[in-house]
Amino acid sequence: MSDPKARSRKKTADEIQQAIAQVQAGQSKVSISAVAKLAGVTPALIHNTYPDLAEKIRGLVGKATRTQRDAKHDALVREREVNRALRQELAEARADLAKLASVNQVLLNEVALLKGMATGKVVSILQPKGSGV
C-alpha cells in the first residue's frame, strides 16, 4: 500500500497549486498568505514544507509588482508627453494673445482718433500722402 503521508502531502501540494491558480485568476493580490488561506493551510506550512511552491508564489508576486510598476511608469511617461505638448500650446497661445492685444490697442486708438475727426473735435495736423504741399 502507498504511504498515507505521501498521499496527503501530494494532495496538499495539489490544493496549494489550485489555490495559486485561483488567486491569479481572481482580482485579489497574489501572496503566500492569500494562497495559504484559500488552500486551508498556514503560510508557515508553505514556507517550510513546500519551498518550491513558496518560491513560485514569490516569483508571481515579483512579476505582478514589476508589471504594475512598468504600467505606471509608461502612464507617467505618456502623461509627461501630454503635459509637455500642453505647455507648448499654452506658450504659443500666450504669445498670440500678446500680439492680438497689441493690435487691438492700436485699432482702438485709431477708432478713437477717427471718431474724434468725424465729430470735428479732433483735427489731423498730418498732411495726407500725395497732397504735394
C-alpha atoms as a PDB file:
ATOM      1  CA  MET A   1       0.000   0.000   0.000  1.00  0.00           C
ATOM      2  CA  SER A   2       1.058   3.585  -0.518  1.00  0.00           C
ATOM      3  CA  ASP A   3       2.152   5.799   2.334  1.00  0.00           C
ATOM      4  CA  PRO A   4      -0.797   7.902   3.631  1.00  0.00           C
ATOM      5  CA  LYS A   5       1.575  10.766   4.464  1.00  0.00           C
ATOM      6  CA  ALA A   6       2.864  10.880   0.895  1.00  0.00           C
ATOM      7  CA  ARG A   7      -0.647  10.884  -0.481  1.00  0.00           C
ATOM      8  CA  SER A   8      -1.683  13.605   1.961  1.00  0.00           C
ATOM      9  CA  ARG A   9       1.407  15.638   1.090  1.00  0.00           C
ATOM     10  CA  LYS A  10       0.664  15.253  -2.628  1.00  0.00           C
ATOM     11  CA  LYS A  11      -2.963  16.225  -2.043  1.00  0.00           C
ATOM     12  CA  THR A  12      -1.898  19.323  -0.079  1.00  0.00           C
ATOM     13  CA  ALA A  13       0.550  20.306  -2.823  1.00  0.00           C
ATOM     14  CA  ASP A  14      -2.221  19.943  -5.401  1.00  0.00           C
ATOM     15  CA  GLU A  15      -4.556  22.071  -3.273  1.00  0.00           C
ATOM     16  CA  ILE A  16      -1.877  24.753  -2.979  1.00  0.00           C
ATOM     17  CA  GLN A  17      -1.344  24.659  -6.765  1.00  0.00           C
ATOM     18  CA  GLN A  18      -5.096  25.083  -7.299  1.00  0.00           C
ATOM     19  CA  ALA A  19      -5.167  27.930  -4.778  1.00  0.00           C
ATOM     20  CA  ILE A  20      -2.314  29.652  -6.651  1.00  0.00           C
ATOM     21  CA  ALA A  21      -4.287  29.394  -9.894  1.00  0.00           C
ATOM     22  CA  GLN A  22      -7.441  30.712  -8.222  1.00  0.00           C
ATOM     23  CA  VAL A  23      -5.652  33.685  -6.661  1.00  0.00           C
ATOM     24  CA  GLN A  24      -4.051  34.501 -10.017  1.00  0.00           C
ATOM     25  CA  ALA A  25      -7.421  34.264 -11.785  1.00  0.00           C
ATOM     26  CA  GLY A  26      -9.127  36.442  -9.171  1.00  0.00           C
ATOM     27  CA  GLN A  27      -8.670  40.143  -8.653  1.00  0.00           C
ATOM     28  CA  SER A  28      -7.050  39.681  -5.243  1.00  0.00           C
ATOM     29  CA  LYS A  29      -3.370  40.274  -4.541  1.00  0.00           C
ATOM     30  CA  VAL A  30      -1.114  37.260  -5.009  1.00  0.00           C
ATOM     31  CA  SER A  31       0.657  36.414  -1.757  1.00  0.00           C
ATOM     32  CA  ILE A  32       1.650  33.370   0.236  1.00  0.00           C
ATOM     33  CA  SER A  33      -0.924  34.309   2.885  1.00  0.00           C
ATOM     34  CA  ALA A  34      -3.724  34.556   0.329  1.00  0.00           C
ATOM     35  CA  VAL A  35      -2.793  31.193  -1.213  1.00  0.00           C
ATOM     36  CA  ALA A  36      -2.499  29.561   2.216  1.00  0.00           C
ATOM     37  CA  LYS A  37      -5.887  30.874   3.285  1.00  0.00           C
ATOM     38  CA  LEU A  38      -7.520  29.633   0.096  1.00  0.00           C
ATOM     39  CA  ALA A  39      -5.829  26.211   0.366  1.00  0.00           C
ATOM     40  CA  GLY A  40      -6.760  25.873   4.034  1.00  0.00           C
ATOM     41  CA  VAL A  41      -3.177  25.684   5.287  1.00  0.00           C
ATOM     42  CA  THR A  42      -0.856  28.010   7.153  1.00  0.00           C
ATOM     43  CA  PRO A  43       1.684  30.261   5.417  1.00  0.00           C
ATOM     44  CA  ALA A  44       4.374  28.586   7.552  1.00  0.00           C
ATOM     45  CA  LEU A  45       3.479  25.195   6.052  1.00  0.00           C
ATOM     46  CA  ILE A  46       4.006  26.583   2.556  1.00  0.00           C
ATOM     47  CA  HIS A  47       7.311  28.210   3.575  1.00  0.00           C
ATOM     48  CA  ASN A  48       8.668  25.180   5.445  1.00  0.00           C
ATOM     49  CA  THR A  49       7.214  22.148   3.671  1.00  0.00           C
ATOM     50  CA  TYR A  50       6.774  23.404   0.115  1.00  0.00           C
ATOM     51  CA  PRO A  51       9.634  25.838  -0.535  1.00  0.00           C
ATOM     52  CA  ASP A  52       9.361  25.305  -4.288  1.00  0.00           C
ATOM     53  CA  LEU A  53       5.733  26.465  -4.218  1.00  0.00           C
ATOM     54  CA  ALA A  54       6.663  29.359  -1.928  1.00  0.00           C
ATOM     55  CA  GLU A  55       9.312  30.411  -4.458  1.00  0.00           C
ATOM     56  CA  LYS A  56       6.770  30.136  -7.276  1.00  0.00           C
ATOM     57  CA  ILE A  57       4.395  32.433  -5.361  1.00  0.00           C
ATOM     58  CA  ARG A  58       7.194  34.914  -4.622  1.00  0.00           C
ATOM     59  CA  GLY A  59       8.036  34.916  -8.330  1.00  0.00           C
ATOM     60  CA  LEU A  60       4.419  35.689  -9.185  1.00  0.00           C
ATOM     61  CA  VAL A  61       4.351  38.478  -6.620  1.00  0.00           C
ATOM     62  CA  GLY A  62       7.516  39.989  -8.063  1.00  0.00           C
ATOM     63  CA  LYS A  63       6.209  39.687 -11.604  1.00  0.00           C
ATOM     64  CA  ALA A  64       2.921  41.327 -10.653  1.00  0.00           C
ATOM     65  CA  THR A  65       4.747  44.134  -8.871  1.00  0.00           C
ATOM     66  CA  ARG A  66       7.051  44.677 -11.860  1.00  0.00           C
ATOM     67  CA  THR A  67       4.103  44.693 -14.231  1.00  0.00           C
ATOM     68  CA  GLN A  68       2.268  47.273 -12.141  1.00  0.00           C
ATOM     69  CA  ARG A  69       5.398  49.411 -11.813  1.00  0.00           C
ATOM     70  CA  ASP A  70       6.056  49.261 -15.553  1.00  0.00           C
ATOM     71  CA  ALA A  71       2.444  50.117 -16.362  1.00  0.00           C
ATOM     72  CA  LYS A  72       2.556  53.110 -14.008  1.00  0.00           C
ATOM     73  CA  HIS A  73       5.882  54.236 -15.461  1.00  0.00           C
ATOM     74  CA  ASP A  74       4.504  54.018 -19.008  1.00  0.00           C
ATOM     75  CA  ALA A  75       1.430  56.000 -17.973  1.00  0.00           C
ATOM     76  CA  LEU A  76       3.672  58.607 -16.334  1.00  0.00           C
ATOM     77  CA  VAL A  77       5.779  58.945 -19.486  1.00  0.00           C
ATOM     78  CA  ARG A  78       2.630  59.381 -21.609  1.00  0.00           C
ATOM     79  CA  GLU A  79       1.243  61.994 -19.230  1.00  0.00           C
ATOM     80  CA  ARG A  80       4.547  63.874 -19.243  1.00  0.00           C
ATOM     81  CA  GLU A  81       4.427  63.982 -23.051  1.00  0.00           C
ATOM     82  CA  VAL A  82       0.857  65.274 -22.945  1.00  0.00           C
ATOM     83  CA  ASN A  83       1.897  67.830 -20.317  1.00  0.00           C
ATOM     84  CA  ARG A  84       4.849  68.968 -22.449  1.00  0.00           C
ATOM     85  CA  ALA A  85       2.592  69.390 -25.503  1.00  0.00           C
ATOM     86  CA  LEU A  86       0.028  71.326 -23.488  1.00  0.00           C
ATOM     87  CA  ARG A  87       2.704  73.625 -22.047  1.00  0.00           C
ATOM     88  CA  GLN A  88       3.948  74.332 -25.582  1.00  0.00           C
ATOM     89  CA  GLU A  89       0.402  75.026 -26.744  1.00  0.00           C
ATOM     90  CA  LEU A  90      -0.131  77.360 -23.771  1.00  0.00           C
ATOM     91  CA  ALA A  91       3.076  79.280 -24.540  1.00  0.00           C
ATOM     92  CA  GLU A  92       2.006  79.705 -28.179  1.00  0.00           C
ATOM     93  CA  ALA A  93      -1.469  80.841 -27.126  1.00  0.00           C
ATOM     94  CA  ARG A  94       0.023  83.402 -24.736  1.00  0.00           C
ATOM     95  CA  ALA A  95       2.280  84.758 -27.494  1.00  0.00           C
ATOM     96  CA  ASP A  96      -0.705  85.024 -29.850  1.00  0.00           C
ATOM     97  CA  LEU A  97      -2.704  86.758 -27.131  1.00  0.00           C
ATOM     98  CA  ALA A  98       0.043  89.338 -26.593  1.00  0.00           C
ATOM     99  CA  LYS A  99       0.183  90.067 -30.342  1.00  0.00           C
ATOM    100  CA  LEU A 100      -3.597  90.373 -30.580  1.00  0.00           C
ATOM    101  CA  ALA A 101      -3.745  92.642 -27.538  1.00  0.00           C
ATOM    102  CA  SER A 102      -1.187  94.948 -29.164  1.00  0.00           C
ATOM    103  CA  VAL A 103      -3.074  95.020 -32.480  1.00  0.00           C
ATOM    104  CA  ASN A 104      -6.339  95.572 -30.617  1.00  0.00           C
ATOM    105  CA  GLN A 105      -4.914  98.553 -28.737  1.00  0.00           C
ATOM    106  CA  VAL A 106      -3.631 100.130 -31.977  1.00  0.00           C
ATOM    107  CA  LEU A 107      -7.058  99.675 -33.562  1.00  0.00           C
ATOM    108  CA  LEU A 108      -8.829 101.144 -30.513  1.00  0.00           C
ATOM    109  CA  ASN A 109      -6.579 104.213 -30.689  1.00  0.00           C
ATOM    110  CA  GLU A 110      -7.277 104.574 -34.422  1.00  0.00           C
ATOM    111  CA  VAL A 111     -11.037 104.248 -33.898  1.00  0.00           C
ATOM    112  CA  ALA A 112     -10.923 106.895 -31.176  1.00  0.00           C
ATOM    113  CA  LEU A 113      -8.977 109.251 -33.481  1.00  0.00           C
ATOM    114  CA  LEU A 114     -11.371 108.682 -36.383  1.00  0.00           C
ATOM    115  CA  LYS A 115     -14.416 109.262 -34.157  1.00  0.00           C
ATOM    116  CA  GLY A 116     -12.882 112.480 -32.939  1.00  0.00           C
ATOM    117  CA  MET A 117     -12.162 113.604 -36.505  1.00  0.00           C
ATOM    118  CA  ALA A 118     -15.711 112.700 -37.600  1.00  0.00           C
ATOM    119  CA  THR A 119     -17.251 114.826 -34.862  1.00  0.00           C
ATOM    120  CA  GLY A 120     -14.877 117.694 -35.592  1.00  0.00           C
ATOM    121  CA  LYS A 121     -13.385 117.669 -32.111  1.00  0.00           C
ATOM    122  CA  VAL A 122     -10.011 116.445 -33.378  1.00  0.00           C
ATOM    123  CA  VAL A 123      -8.100 117.871 -36.310  1.00  0.00           C
ATOM    124  CA  SER A 124      -5.311 115.970 -38.011  1.00  0.00           C
ATOM    125  CA  ILE A 125      -2.144 118.003 -38.351  1.00  0.00           C
ATOM    126  CA  LEU A 126      -0.577 115.459 -40.655  1.00  0.00           C
ATOM    127  CA  GLN A 127      -0.735 116.057 -44.381  1.00  0.00           C
ATOM    128  CA  PRO A 128      -2.227 113.193 -46.337  1.00  0.00           C
ATOM    129  CA  LYS A 129       0.252 111.499 -48.631  1.00  0.00           C
ATOM    130  CA  GLY A 130       0.313 112.774 -52.170  1.00  0.00           C
ATOM    131  CA  SER A 131      -1.096 116.241 -51.349  1.00  0.00           C
ATOM    132  CA  GLY A 132       2.154 117.834 -52.571  1.00  0.00           C
ATOM    133  CA  VAL A 133       2.270 120.612 -50.023  1.00  0.00           C
END
